Every structure is written in structure tokens, then in C-alpha cells.
N, C-alpha and C. Protein backbone atom coordinates (compact mmCIF):
# COMPACT_ATOMS: atom_id res chain seq x y z
N MET A 1 225.32 -56.39 128.65
CA MET A 1 225.21 -57.01 127.34
C MET A 1 223.86 -56.73 126.69
N ALA A 2 222.78 -56.71 127.49
CA ALA A 2 221.46 -56.45 126.94
C ALA A 2 221.40 -55.08 126.28
N GLN A 3 222.09 -54.10 126.88
CA GLN A 3 222.09 -52.76 126.32
C GLN A 3 222.73 -52.76 124.94
N LEU A 4 223.86 -53.48 124.79
CA LEU A 4 224.52 -53.54 123.51
C LEU A 4 223.67 -54.30 122.51
N ASP A 5 223.01 -55.38 122.96
CA ASP A 5 222.11 -56.11 122.07
C ASP A 5 221.04 -55.17 121.53
N ASN A 6 220.48 -54.36 122.39
CA ASN A 6 219.46 -53.42 121.96
C ASN A 6 220.03 -52.39 120.99
N ASP A 7 221.25 -51.97 121.21
CA ASP A 7 221.88 -51.02 120.31
C ASP A 7 222.09 -51.64 118.94
N ALA A 8 222.51 -52.91 118.89
CA ALA A 8 222.66 -53.59 117.62
C ALA A 8 221.31 -53.69 116.90
N ALA A 9 220.27 -54.00 117.64
CA ALA A 9 218.93 -54.09 117.04
C ALA A 9 218.49 -52.73 116.51
N ARG A 10 218.75 -51.68 117.26
CA ARG A 10 218.39 -50.34 116.79
C ARG A 10 219.15 -49.97 115.53
N GLN A 11 220.43 -50.34 115.49
CA GLN A 11 221.24 -50.02 114.32
C GLN A 11 220.72 -50.76 113.08
N ALA A 12 220.38 -52.03 113.25
CA ALA A 12 219.82 -52.80 112.14
C ALA A 12 218.49 -52.20 111.69
N GLN A 13 217.66 -51.78 112.64
CA GLN A 13 216.36 -51.19 112.30
C GLN A 13 216.54 -49.87 111.56
N LYS A 14 217.43 -49.00 112.04
CA LYS A 14 217.64 -47.71 111.38
C LYS A 14 218.17 -47.90 109.97
N SER A 15 219.09 -48.84 109.80
CA SER A 15 219.64 -49.10 108.46
C SER A 15 218.56 -49.61 107.52
N ALA A 16 217.71 -50.51 108.03
CA ALA A 16 216.61 -51.03 107.22
C ALA A 16 215.64 -49.91 106.83
N ASN A 17 215.35 -49.02 107.75
CA ASN A 17 214.43 -47.92 107.47
C ASN A 17 214.96 -47.02 106.36
N VAL A 18 216.25 -46.67 106.43
CA VAL A 18 216.85 -45.80 105.42
C VAL A 18 216.79 -46.47 104.05
N PHE A 19 217.16 -47.74 104.00
CA PHE A 19 217.17 -48.44 102.71
C PHE A 19 215.76 -48.55 102.14
N ARG A 20 214.78 -48.87 102.98
CA ARG A 20 213.40 -48.99 102.52
C ARG A 20 212.85 -47.65 102.03
N GLU A 21 213.15 -46.58 102.74
CA GLU A 21 212.65 -45.26 102.34
C GLU A 21 213.22 -44.85 100.98
N ILE A 22 214.50 -45.09 100.79
CA ILE A 22 215.14 -44.70 99.53
C ILE A 22 214.63 -45.54 98.38
N MET A 23 214.51 -46.84 98.58
CA MET A 23 214.05 -47.72 97.51
C MET A 23 212.55 -47.59 97.26
N GLY A 24 211.84 -46.92 98.15
CA GLY A 24 210.41 -46.73 97.99
C GLY A 24 210.05 -45.66 96.99
N THR A 25 211.03 -44.97 96.42
CA THR A 25 210.79 -43.95 95.40
C THR A 25 211.52 -44.36 94.12
N PRO A 26 210.91 -45.22 93.29
CA PRO A 26 211.62 -45.83 92.15
C PRO A 26 212.28 -44.84 91.21
N ASP A 27 211.67 -43.69 90.97
CA ASP A 27 212.25 -42.73 90.03
C ASP A 27 213.52 -42.08 90.55
N LYS A 28 213.77 -42.19 91.86
CA LYS A 28 214.94 -41.56 92.45
C LYS A 28 215.82 -42.55 93.22
N ALA A 29 215.46 -43.81 93.17
CA ALA A 29 216.16 -44.82 93.95
C ALA A 29 217.36 -45.40 93.19
N ILE A 30 218.06 -46.33 93.83
CA ILE A 30 219.14 -47.05 93.17
C ILE A 30 218.51 -47.99 92.15
N PRO A 31 218.96 -48.01 90.90
CA PRO A 31 218.37 -48.90 89.90
C PRO A 31 218.45 -50.36 90.34
N ARG A 32 217.36 -51.10 90.10
CA ARG A 32 217.32 -52.50 90.50
C ARG A 32 218.44 -53.31 89.83
N GLY A 33 218.78 -52.96 88.59
CA GLY A 33 219.83 -53.68 87.90
C GLY A 33 221.18 -53.54 88.58
N VAL A 34 221.42 -52.38 89.18
CA VAL A 34 222.68 -52.17 89.91
C VAL A 34 222.69 -52.97 91.20
N ILE A 35 221.60 -52.90 91.95
CA ILE A 35 221.51 -53.66 93.20
C ILE A 35 221.60 -55.16 92.92
N GLY A 36 221.06 -55.58 91.77
CA GLY A 36 221.09 -56.98 91.43
C GLY A 36 222.49 -57.53 91.24
N GLY A 37 223.46 -56.65 90.98
CA GLY A 37 224.84 -57.09 90.82
C GLY A 37 225.71 -56.87 92.03
N ALA A 38 225.15 -56.33 93.11
CA ALA A 38 225.95 -56.04 94.30
C ALA A 38 226.27 -57.29 95.08
N ARG A 39 227.50 -57.39 95.56
CA ARG A 39 227.88 -58.51 96.43
C ARG A 39 227.53 -58.22 97.88
N CYS A 40 227.71 -56.97 98.31
CA CYS A 40 227.40 -56.56 99.68
C CYS A 40 226.78 -55.17 99.65
N ILE A 41 225.95 -54.87 100.65
CA ILE A 41 225.31 -53.56 100.76
C ILE A 41 225.48 -53.09 102.20
N GLY A 42 225.99 -51.86 102.36
CA GLY A 42 226.14 -51.25 103.67
C GLY A 42 225.35 -49.96 103.76
N VAL A 43 224.65 -49.76 104.87
CA VAL A 43 223.83 -48.56 105.07
C VAL A 43 224.28 -47.89 106.36
N PHE A 44 224.54 -46.58 106.28
CA PHE A 44 225.00 -45.79 107.42
C PHE A 44 224.03 -44.63 107.64
N PRO A 45 223.09 -44.79 108.57
CA PRO A 45 222.13 -43.71 108.82
C PRO A 45 222.76 -42.56 109.59
N ALA A 46 222.38 -41.35 109.22
CA ALA A 46 222.69 -40.15 109.99
C ALA A 46 224.18 -40.03 110.34
N VAL A 47 225.02 -40.12 109.31
CA VAL A 47 226.44 -39.84 109.51
C VAL A 47 226.60 -38.35 109.73
N PHE A 48 227.33 -38.00 110.77
CA PHE A 48 227.48 -36.59 111.14
C PHE A 48 228.75 -36.02 110.53
N LYS A 49 228.62 -34.84 109.96
CA LYS A 49 229.77 -34.12 109.42
C LYS A 49 229.70 -32.69 109.92
N GLY A 50 230.75 -32.21 110.55
CA GLY A 50 230.70 -30.85 111.06
C GLY A 50 232.04 -30.41 111.59
N GLY A 51 232.09 -29.16 112.02
CA GLY A 51 233.32 -28.63 112.57
C GLY A 51 233.57 -27.22 112.08
N PHE A 52 234.64 -26.65 112.52
CA PHE A 52 235.02 -25.30 112.13
C PHE A 52 236.43 -25.37 111.53
N PHE A 53 236.54 -25.13 110.23
CA PHE A 53 237.77 -25.21 109.46
C PHE A 53 238.23 -26.65 109.26
N VAL A 54 238.29 -27.44 110.30
CA VAL A 54 238.65 -28.85 110.13
C VAL A 54 237.41 -29.69 110.42
N GLY A 55 236.86 -30.31 109.38
CA GLY A 55 235.64 -31.08 109.54
C GLY A 55 235.94 -32.56 109.54
N GLY A 56 234.94 -33.35 109.94
CA GLY A 56 235.11 -34.79 109.95
C GLY A 56 233.78 -35.48 109.86
N ARG A 57 233.82 -36.75 109.48
CA ARG A 57 232.61 -37.56 109.41
C ARG A 57 232.71 -38.67 110.44
N TYR A 58 231.57 -39.01 111.01
CA TYR A 58 231.52 -40.16 111.91
C TYR A 58 230.12 -40.75 111.86
N GLY A 59 230.05 -42.05 111.76
CA GLY A 59 228.75 -42.70 111.79
C GLY A 59 228.91 -44.20 111.96
N ARG A 60 227.78 -44.85 112.20
CA ARG A 60 227.76 -46.30 112.36
C ARG A 60 226.74 -46.88 111.40
N GLY A 61 227.02 -48.09 110.93
CA GLY A 61 226.12 -48.69 109.96
C GLY A 61 226.10 -50.20 110.04
N THR A 62 225.38 -50.78 109.09
CA THR A 62 225.14 -52.21 109.04
C THR A 62 225.36 -52.68 107.62
N ALA A 63 225.96 -53.86 107.47
CA ALA A 63 226.21 -54.41 106.13
C ALA A 63 225.79 -55.87 106.07
N THR A 64 225.34 -56.29 104.90
CA THR A 64 225.01 -57.68 104.65
C THR A 64 225.53 -58.06 103.27
N CYS A 65 225.85 -59.34 103.05
CA CYS A 65 226.42 -59.79 101.79
C CYS A 65 225.61 -60.94 101.21
N ARG A 66 225.65 -61.04 99.90
CA ARG A 66 224.93 -62.09 99.20
C ARG A 66 225.61 -63.44 99.41
N THR A 67 224.84 -64.46 99.73
CA THR A 67 225.36 -65.81 99.88
C THR A 67 224.51 -66.75 99.00
N LYS A 68 224.89 -68.01 98.96
CA LYS A 68 224.14 -68.98 98.17
C LYS A 68 222.72 -69.17 98.70
N LEU A 69 222.52 -68.87 99.96
CA LEU A 69 221.21 -69.08 100.59
C LEU A 69 220.43 -67.79 100.83
N GLY A 70 220.92 -66.68 100.27
CA GLY A 70 220.25 -65.41 100.49
C GLY A 70 221.23 -64.38 101.00
N TRP A 71 220.76 -63.48 101.85
CA TRP A 71 221.60 -62.42 102.39
C TRP A 71 222.06 -62.78 103.80
N SER A 72 223.31 -62.48 104.08
CA SER A 72 223.95 -62.93 105.32
C SER A 72 223.42 -62.21 106.55
N ALA A 73 223.75 -62.76 107.68
CA ALA A 73 223.57 -62.04 108.94
C ALA A 73 224.35 -60.73 108.85
N PRO A 74 223.88 -59.67 109.48
CA PRO A 74 224.56 -58.38 109.34
C PRO A 74 225.83 -58.29 110.17
N ILE A 75 226.77 -57.50 109.66
CA ILE A 75 227.91 -57.09 110.46
C ILE A 75 227.77 -55.60 110.73
N PHE A 76 228.44 -55.12 111.77
CA PHE A 76 228.30 -53.73 112.20
C PHE A 76 229.62 -53.00 111.96
N LEU A 77 229.50 -51.82 111.38
CA LEU A 77 230.67 -51.06 110.96
C LEU A 77 230.62 -49.64 111.49
N LYS A 78 231.79 -49.03 111.54
CA LYS A 78 231.92 -47.60 111.80
C LYS A 78 232.51 -46.92 110.57
N LEU A 79 232.12 -45.69 110.36
CA LEU A 79 232.64 -44.89 109.26
C LEU A 79 233.28 -43.64 109.85
N ARG A 80 234.52 -43.41 109.48
CA ARG A 80 235.22 -42.21 109.97
C ARG A 80 236.02 -41.60 108.83
N GLY A 81 236.13 -40.29 108.84
CA GLY A 81 236.92 -39.62 107.82
C GLY A 81 237.08 -38.16 108.13
N GLY A 82 238.02 -37.52 107.47
CA GLY A 82 238.27 -36.11 107.73
C GLY A 82 238.35 -35.31 106.45
N SER A 83 238.19 -34.03 106.56
CA SER A 83 238.35 -33.12 105.43
C SER A 83 238.79 -31.78 105.98
N VAL A 84 239.40 -30.97 105.13
CA VAL A 84 239.90 -29.68 105.55
C VAL A 84 239.24 -28.60 104.70
N GLY A 85 238.77 -27.57 105.32
CA GLY A 85 238.13 -26.49 104.59
C GLY A 85 237.18 -25.74 105.51
N LEU A 86 236.50 -24.76 104.97
CA LEU A 86 235.59 -23.95 105.76
C LEU A 86 234.28 -24.71 105.93
N GLN A 87 234.04 -25.25 107.11
CA GLN A 87 232.84 -26.02 107.40
C GLN A 87 232.30 -25.60 108.76
N ILE A 88 231.35 -24.71 108.73
CA ILE A 88 230.77 -24.22 109.97
C ILE A 88 229.41 -24.88 110.16
N GLY A 89 229.20 -25.45 111.32
CA GLY A 89 227.95 -26.14 111.59
C GLY A 89 228.07 -27.61 111.27
N GLY A 90 226.98 -28.34 111.42
CA GLY A 90 227.01 -29.78 111.20
C GLY A 90 225.81 -30.22 110.39
N GLN A 91 225.91 -31.41 109.87
CA GLN A 91 224.84 -31.94 109.04
C GLN A 91 224.87 -33.45 109.09
N ALA A 92 223.71 -34.06 109.21
CA ALA A 92 223.61 -35.52 109.23
C ALA A 92 223.20 -36.01 107.85
N THR A 93 223.88 -37.01 107.34
CA THR A 93 223.65 -37.54 106.01
C THR A 93 223.57 -39.07 106.07
N ASP A 94 222.62 -39.63 105.33
CA ASP A 94 222.54 -41.08 105.19
C ASP A 94 223.42 -41.52 104.03
N TYR A 95 224.19 -42.60 104.21
CA TYR A 95 225.03 -43.12 103.14
C TYR A 95 224.68 -44.57 102.86
N ILE A 96 224.75 -44.94 101.58
CA ILE A 96 224.63 -46.33 101.16
C ILE A 96 225.84 -46.67 100.30
N PHE A 97 226.44 -47.83 100.57
CA PHE A 97 227.59 -48.29 99.80
C PHE A 97 227.26 -49.66 99.22
N LEU A 98 227.47 -49.81 97.91
CA LEU A 98 227.30 -51.09 97.24
C LEU A 98 228.69 -51.61 96.86
N PHE A 99 229.03 -52.79 97.37
CA PHE A 99 230.30 -53.44 97.06
C PHE A 99 230.02 -54.37 95.88
N MET A 100 230.60 -54.06 94.71
CA MET A 100 230.13 -54.63 93.47
C MET A 100 230.85 -55.89 92.99
N ASN A 101 232.09 -56.10 93.41
CA ASN A 101 232.84 -57.22 92.85
C ASN A 101 233.71 -57.87 93.91
N GLN A 102 234.52 -58.81 93.48
CA GLN A 102 235.31 -59.57 94.44
C GLN A 102 236.31 -58.70 95.17
N ASN A 103 236.89 -57.71 94.48
CA ASN A 103 237.84 -56.81 95.14
C ASN A 103 237.13 -55.96 96.19
N GLY A 104 235.93 -55.49 95.86
CA GLY A 104 235.18 -54.73 96.84
C GLY A 104 234.83 -55.56 98.05
N LEU A 105 234.45 -56.80 97.82
CA LEU A 105 234.14 -57.71 98.92
C LEU A 105 235.38 -57.96 99.77
N ARG A 106 236.51 -58.19 99.12
CA ARG A 106 237.75 -58.44 99.85
C ARG A 106 238.12 -57.24 100.72
N ASN A 107 237.92 -56.06 100.20
CA ASN A 107 238.23 -54.87 100.98
C ASN A 107 237.31 -54.73 102.18
N LEU A 108 236.05 -55.13 102.02
CA LEU A 108 235.13 -55.05 103.15
C LEU A 108 235.56 -55.98 104.28
N LEU A 109 236.22 -57.08 103.94
CA LEU A 109 236.63 -58.04 104.95
C LEU A 109 237.81 -57.54 105.78
N ASN A 110 238.53 -56.54 105.30
CA ASN A 110 239.64 -55.99 106.07
C ASN A 110 239.10 -55.25 107.29
N SER A 111 239.91 -55.16 108.32
CA SER A 111 239.48 -54.46 109.52
C SER A 111 239.49 -52.95 109.33
N LYS A 112 240.21 -52.48 108.30
CA LYS A 112 240.27 -51.05 108.05
C LYS A 112 240.39 -50.83 106.55
N VAL A 113 239.43 -50.12 105.98
CA VAL A 113 239.42 -49.86 104.55
C VAL A 113 239.22 -48.37 104.33
N GLN A 114 240.03 -47.78 103.46
CA GLN A 114 239.85 -46.36 103.14
C GLN A 114 239.34 -46.23 101.72
N ILE A 115 238.21 -45.55 101.57
CA ILE A 115 237.68 -45.27 100.25
C ILE A 115 238.56 -44.23 99.58
N GLY A 116 238.99 -44.55 98.38
CA GLY A 116 239.92 -43.68 97.68
C GLY A 116 241.36 -44.10 97.90
N GLY A 117 241.59 -45.02 98.83
CA GLY A 117 242.91 -45.54 99.10
C GLY A 117 242.98 -46.98 98.62
N GLU A 118 242.76 -47.92 99.56
CA GLU A 118 242.75 -49.33 99.20
C GLU A 118 241.57 -49.69 98.30
N ALA A 119 240.48 -48.95 98.39
CA ALA A 119 239.27 -49.28 97.64
C ALA A 119 238.88 -48.12 96.73
N SER A 120 238.66 -48.42 95.45
CA SER A 120 238.20 -47.39 94.53
C SER A 120 236.68 -47.32 94.58
N ALA A 121 236.14 -46.12 94.45
CA ALA A 121 234.70 -45.93 94.55
C ALA A 121 234.24 -44.93 93.49
N ALA A 122 232.98 -45.00 93.17
CA ALA A 122 232.38 -44.07 92.21
C ALA A 122 230.99 -43.71 92.68
N ALA A 123 230.53 -42.53 92.27
CA ALA A 123 229.16 -42.13 92.58
C ALA A 123 228.21 -43.02 91.80
N GLY A 124 227.28 -43.63 92.49
CA GLY A 124 226.36 -44.56 91.84
C GLY A 124 225.24 -43.85 91.09
N PRO A 125 224.72 -44.50 90.06
CA PRO A 125 223.60 -43.93 89.30
C PRO A 125 222.29 -44.07 90.08
N VAL A 126 221.33 -43.23 89.78
CA VAL A 126 220.03 -43.28 90.46
C VAL A 126 218.91 -43.27 89.42
N GLY A 127 217.72 -43.61 89.89
CA GLY A 127 216.53 -43.53 89.05
C GLY A 127 216.56 -44.52 87.91
N ARG A 128 216.22 -44.03 86.73
CA ARG A 128 216.07 -44.89 85.55
C ARG A 128 217.33 -44.96 84.71
N GLU A 129 218.49 -44.63 85.30
CA GLU A 129 219.73 -44.57 84.55
C GLU A 129 220.33 -45.97 84.37
N ALA A 130 219.55 -46.90 83.86
CA ALA A 130 220.00 -48.28 83.78
C ALA A 130 221.15 -48.45 82.79
N GLY A 131 221.10 -47.74 81.68
CA GLY A 131 222.16 -47.87 80.69
C GLY A 131 223.50 -47.42 81.21
N ALA A 132 223.54 -46.23 81.77
CA ALA A 132 224.78 -45.72 82.35
C ALA A 132 225.22 -46.56 83.52
N ALA A 133 224.27 -47.14 84.22
CA ALA A 133 224.59 -47.92 85.41
C ALA A 133 225.46 -49.12 85.08
N THR A 134 225.23 -49.74 83.93
CA THR A 134 225.95 -50.96 83.59
C THR A 134 227.45 -50.71 83.50
N ASP A 135 227.85 -49.68 82.79
CA ASP A 135 229.29 -49.38 82.64
C ASP A 135 229.91 -49.00 83.96
N ILE A 136 229.20 -48.22 84.76
CA ILE A 136 229.75 -47.75 86.03
C ILE A 136 229.97 -48.92 86.98
N LYS A 137 228.98 -49.77 87.11
CA LYS A 137 229.06 -50.83 88.11
C LYS A 137 230.11 -51.87 87.75
N MET A 138 230.35 -52.09 86.45
CA MET A 138 231.31 -53.10 86.06
C MET A 138 232.74 -52.66 86.34
N GLY A 139 232.98 -51.33 86.38
CA GLY A 139 234.34 -50.85 86.55
C GLY A 139 234.69 -50.39 87.94
N SER A 140 233.75 -50.43 88.87
CA SER A 140 233.99 -49.89 90.20
C SER A 140 233.85 -50.97 91.26
N GLN A 141 234.73 -50.91 92.25
CA GLN A 141 234.61 -51.82 93.39
C GLN A 141 233.45 -51.44 94.28
N ILE A 142 233.26 -50.13 94.47
CA ILE A 142 232.24 -49.64 95.39
C ILE A 142 231.47 -48.51 94.70
N LEU A 143 230.15 -48.53 94.82
CA LEU A 143 229.31 -47.41 94.42
C LEU A 143 228.78 -46.75 95.69
N SER A 144 228.79 -45.43 95.73
CA SER A 144 228.39 -44.72 96.94
C SER A 144 227.25 -43.76 96.65
N TYR A 145 226.40 -43.61 97.66
CA TYR A 145 225.21 -42.76 97.57
C TYR A 145 225.05 -41.98 98.87
N SER A 146 224.37 -40.83 98.80
CA SER A 146 224.09 -40.08 100.01
C SER A 146 222.70 -39.47 99.93
N ARG A 147 222.09 -39.27 101.11
CA ARG A 147 220.80 -38.58 101.21
C ARG A 147 220.90 -37.55 102.30
N SER A 148 220.67 -36.31 101.93
CA SER A 148 220.72 -35.21 102.90
C SER A 148 219.60 -34.23 102.59
N LYS A 149 218.85 -33.86 103.61
CA LYS A 149 217.73 -32.93 103.46
C LYS A 149 216.76 -33.41 102.38
N GLY A 150 216.55 -34.72 102.30
CA GLY A 150 215.59 -35.28 101.38
C GLY A 150 216.11 -35.54 99.99
N LEU A 151 217.32 -35.08 99.65
CA LEU A 151 217.88 -35.26 98.32
C LEU A 151 218.78 -36.49 98.30
N PHE A 152 218.48 -37.43 97.40
CA PHE A 152 219.26 -38.66 97.28
C PHE A 152 219.98 -38.66 95.95
N ALA A 153 221.29 -38.97 95.97
CA ALA A 153 222.08 -38.96 94.73
C ALA A 153 223.34 -39.77 94.93
N GLY A 154 223.99 -40.10 93.81
CA GLY A 154 225.31 -40.70 93.89
C GLY A 154 226.28 -39.71 94.49
N ALA A 155 227.25 -40.18 95.24
CA ALA A 155 228.14 -39.29 95.99
C ALA A 155 229.59 -39.68 95.78
N GLU A 156 230.42 -38.68 95.49
CA GLU A 156 231.86 -38.88 95.43
C GLU A 156 232.41 -38.78 96.85
N ILE A 157 232.97 -39.85 97.35
CA ILE A 157 233.44 -39.89 98.73
C ILE A 157 234.87 -40.39 98.75
N LYS A 158 235.76 -39.64 99.40
CA LYS A 158 237.16 -40.04 99.50
C LYS A 158 237.65 -39.81 100.93
N GLY A 159 238.68 -40.55 101.28
CA GLY A 159 239.30 -40.35 102.58
C GLY A 159 238.48 -40.81 103.75
N VAL A 160 237.55 -41.73 103.51
CA VAL A 160 236.69 -42.26 104.58
C VAL A 160 237.11 -43.70 104.86
N ASN A 161 237.20 -44.06 106.13
CA ASN A 161 237.60 -45.39 106.55
C ASN A 161 236.42 -46.17 107.12
N PHE A 162 236.39 -47.47 106.84
CA PHE A 162 235.47 -48.40 107.48
C PHE A 162 236.21 -49.17 108.56
N TYR A 163 235.56 -49.34 109.71
CA TYR A 163 236.08 -50.17 110.79
C TYR A 163 234.96 -51.06 111.29
N LEU A 164 235.31 -52.22 111.82
CA LEU A 164 234.31 -53.04 112.50
C LEU A 164 233.89 -52.35 113.80
N ASP A 165 232.60 -52.37 114.07
CA ASP A 165 232.06 -51.90 115.35
C ASP A 165 232.15 -53.08 116.32
N GLN A 166 233.26 -53.16 117.02
CA GLN A 166 233.55 -54.34 117.83
C GLN A 166 232.54 -54.55 118.95
N ASN A 167 232.04 -53.48 119.53
CA ASN A 167 231.07 -53.63 120.62
C ASN A 167 229.82 -54.36 120.15
N ASN A 168 229.24 -53.90 119.06
CA ASN A 168 228.02 -54.54 118.57
C ASN A 168 228.30 -55.91 117.97
N MET A 169 229.48 -56.09 117.39
CA MET A 169 229.84 -57.42 116.87
C MET A 169 229.90 -58.44 118.01
N ARG A 170 230.56 -58.07 119.11
CA ARG A 170 230.66 -58.99 120.24
C ARG A 170 229.30 -59.24 120.88
N ALA A 171 228.50 -58.17 120.98
CA ALA A 171 227.18 -58.33 121.60
C ALA A 171 226.29 -59.26 120.79
N ALA A 172 226.37 -59.17 119.47
CA ALA A 172 225.49 -59.96 118.62
C ALA A 172 225.97 -61.39 118.42
N TYR A 173 227.31 -61.57 118.36
CA TYR A 173 227.83 -62.87 117.93
C TYR A 173 228.84 -63.50 118.88
N GLY A 174 229.28 -62.77 119.89
CA GLY A 174 230.30 -63.30 120.78
C GLY A 174 231.69 -62.88 120.36
N SER A 175 232.65 -63.12 121.22
CA SER A 175 233.99 -62.57 121.01
C SER A 175 234.81 -63.34 120.00
N ARG A 176 234.42 -64.56 119.64
CA ARG A 176 235.25 -65.39 118.77
C ARG A 176 234.75 -65.46 117.32
N THR A 177 233.67 -64.79 117.02
CA THR A 177 233.09 -64.88 115.68
C THR A 177 233.75 -63.86 114.76
N GLU A 178 234.22 -64.32 113.59
CA GLU A 178 234.88 -63.44 112.64
C GLU A 178 233.86 -62.88 111.65
N ALA A 179 234.07 -61.60 111.28
CA ALA A 179 233.16 -60.94 110.35
C ALA A 179 233.13 -61.66 109.00
N GLU A 180 234.28 -62.18 108.56
CA GLU A 180 234.34 -62.86 107.27
C GLU A 180 233.41 -64.07 107.24
N ARG A 181 233.40 -64.83 108.32
CA ARG A 181 232.53 -66.01 108.38
C ARG A 181 231.06 -65.61 108.37
N ILE A 182 230.75 -64.51 109.01
CA ILE A 182 229.35 -64.06 109.08
C ILE A 182 228.85 -63.69 107.69
N ILE A 183 229.59 -62.85 106.97
CA ILE A 183 229.09 -62.38 105.68
C ILE A 183 229.23 -63.43 104.59
N ARG A 184 229.92 -64.52 104.88
CA ARG A 184 229.96 -65.63 103.92
C ARG A 184 228.85 -66.64 104.21
N GLY A 185 228.02 -66.34 105.22
CA GLY A 185 226.82 -67.13 105.43
C GLY A 185 226.93 -68.26 106.42
N SER A 186 227.99 -68.28 107.24
CA SER A 186 228.16 -69.40 108.16
C SER A 186 227.44 -69.21 109.48
N ARG A 187 226.79 -68.07 109.64
CA ARG A 187 226.11 -67.79 110.91
C ARG A 187 224.63 -67.50 110.66
N VAL A 188 223.77 -68.14 111.43
CA VAL A 188 222.33 -67.87 111.34
C VAL A 188 222.06 -66.48 111.88
N THR A 189 221.21 -65.74 111.20
CA THR A 189 220.91 -64.38 111.63
C THR A 189 220.05 -64.40 112.88
N PRO A 190 220.47 -63.74 113.97
CA PRO A 190 219.60 -63.63 115.15
C PRO A 190 218.28 -62.98 114.77
N GLU A 191 217.21 -63.45 115.35
CA GLU A 191 215.88 -62.99 114.97
C GLU A 191 215.75 -61.47 115.08
N TYR A 192 216.36 -60.89 116.12
CA TYR A 192 216.19 -59.45 116.34
C TYR A 192 217.02 -58.61 115.38
N LEU A 193 217.82 -59.26 114.52
CA LEU A 193 218.60 -58.53 113.51
C LEU A 193 218.11 -58.80 112.10
N ARG A 194 217.10 -59.62 111.94
CA ARG A 194 216.66 -60.04 110.61
C ARG A 194 216.09 -58.88 109.79
N ILE A 195 215.65 -57.84 110.43
CA ILE A 195 215.00 -56.74 109.73
C ILE A 195 215.89 -56.16 108.63
N PHE A 196 217.21 -56.13 108.86
CA PHE A 196 218.07 -55.52 107.84
C PHE A 196 218.28 -56.42 106.63
N PRO A 197 218.78 -57.66 106.77
CA PRO A 197 218.93 -58.49 105.57
C PRO A 197 217.61 -58.79 104.87
N ASP A 198 216.53 -58.89 105.62
CA ASP A 198 215.23 -59.14 105.00
C ASP A 198 214.80 -57.95 104.14
N THR A 199 215.06 -56.74 104.62
CA THR A 199 214.72 -55.55 103.84
C THR A 199 215.57 -55.45 102.58
N VAL A 200 216.86 -55.72 102.71
CA VAL A 200 217.74 -55.71 101.53
C VAL A 200 217.26 -56.74 100.51
N ALA A 201 216.93 -57.94 100.98
CA ALA A 201 216.51 -59.02 100.08
C ALA A 201 215.26 -58.64 99.29
N ARG A 202 214.42 -57.82 99.87
CA ARG A 202 213.18 -57.43 99.19
C ARG A 202 213.46 -56.67 97.90
N TYR A 203 214.55 -55.95 97.85
CA TYR A 203 214.86 -55.11 96.69
C TYR A 203 216.05 -55.62 95.88
N ALA A 204 216.90 -56.42 96.47
CA ALA A 204 218.19 -56.74 95.84
C ALA A 204 218.18 -58.13 95.22
N TYR A 205 217.13 -58.44 94.49
CA TYR A 205 217.14 -59.70 93.77
C TYR A 205 218.19 -59.64 92.67
N ARG A 206 218.73 -60.77 92.28
CA ARG A 206 219.75 -60.82 91.24
C ARG A 206 219.08 -61.04 89.88
N SER A 207 219.34 -60.13 88.95
CA SER A 207 218.78 -60.27 87.62
C SER A 207 219.51 -61.38 86.88
N SER A 208 218.89 -61.87 85.80
CA SER A 208 219.50 -62.96 85.05
C SER A 208 220.83 -62.55 84.44
N ARG A 209 220.99 -61.29 84.09
CA ARG A 209 222.24 -60.83 83.52
C ARG A 209 223.34 -60.75 84.55
N SER A 210 222.96 -60.74 85.85
CA SER A 210 223.95 -60.65 86.91
C SER A 210 224.45 -62.02 87.35
N GLU A 211 223.76 -63.07 86.96
CA GLU A 211 224.16 -64.40 87.36
C GLU A 211 225.53 -64.73 86.77
N GLY A 212 226.35 -65.42 87.54
CA GLY A 212 227.66 -65.84 87.07
C GLY A 212 228.75 -64.84 87.31
N ARG A 213 228.38 -63.65 87.81
CA ARG A 213 229.41 -62.65 88.10
C ARG A 213 230.13 -63.01 89.35
């Protein structure tokens, strides 16, 4: 169990690092106004994509959701997906997903969600694109972003599934704890996992225009 606990802590730390690095460059980061309207934020460091002719994605990440008392204890997720085409070699990419509204939140609570299937998604705006960001975020359940080789941008992503990472969920919270209860704020965040929600909270304040959504 200690090994899994450490893995959960490492996953939370890696997700926090990716989010902090991206938000540390304001001219290229996710606009604060967009983050201010997000219900949940998921970060997937170093998702691997590779193969020969038939490629696929696989990665693990961490998500936290906005509650009345701040940001929830994190839940642990897996990302899997496939694509067909000429893909020789592999590449690791960081992904960030913003779940913007009640439908996006509801989809996150499912044990299996496919982007482009049950959940609609759009490439999120970056940098100072605050005006364009408003229209995009209001009409999309999920906004998606990617960073590869130092380049960060909104990303069109389809055919990717989210699953709960049951091993890390059990290690962090026990076998009877439901993910829905965690992200709705009913569970105190273990100290060794606080790095992720605390990092998100630093950047994801809710603007006055976002209140009441």
C-alpha cells in the first residue's frame, strides 16, 4: 500500500508541476477568465502516443473540482485512446482538460467518458484571447489543451476515454470511497496530495462574472 500511496503522491506532484509551469507564462497560458469559469480541472503529464500505423494514447492524471469551500481532494484518472494512420515513433505530451459546465462535470463522474462521444470538447484559447474565450467556454462542456516540445496550445482531441485509476483511488481513499463524493468536497484532502488542488487554487480564482454559473 505504501508504494501505491507514493505513486499517488508522485502523480499529484507531476500534475501540479505541469499546471504551474504552463500558468507561469501569462502570454501563452490559459486565460484566467476561462479558468475562473471551470468546474473541474484535470492534468495528464507525459501522455504517450506512438506506434507503427496503428497509434494510441495512454497516460495518467489528476483532477480536482470546485466546491463551496475551495478545490476538492484530487481523484486519479487514466486516459486512453486510439488513432489510425502513419505514426512512427513516440512522443510524450502534457494535456490539460477544463470541465466547464454541469454536463461536463456529470460526464467526469462517469466511470468511462469518451471525448467526442458522450462529451463534447473544443480546443481552448490561450494567452490574451479573453474575448474569444468567452464564447468558446460558454458553448463547450470541455476545453482541451496540449504541450509538446515546449509548445502549448488548444488541442482538438477525439476518441479518448477517461477511466478512474482504481489503484491510486483505493490507495488514497480506501475501497469504499466514491469519486463523486470526493470531487463534491465530502473528503478532506490527504496532506501528501494537497500540492495539486493548492496549485490549481492559486490560479483558478472565480471572477465576478463567473459567479452564479
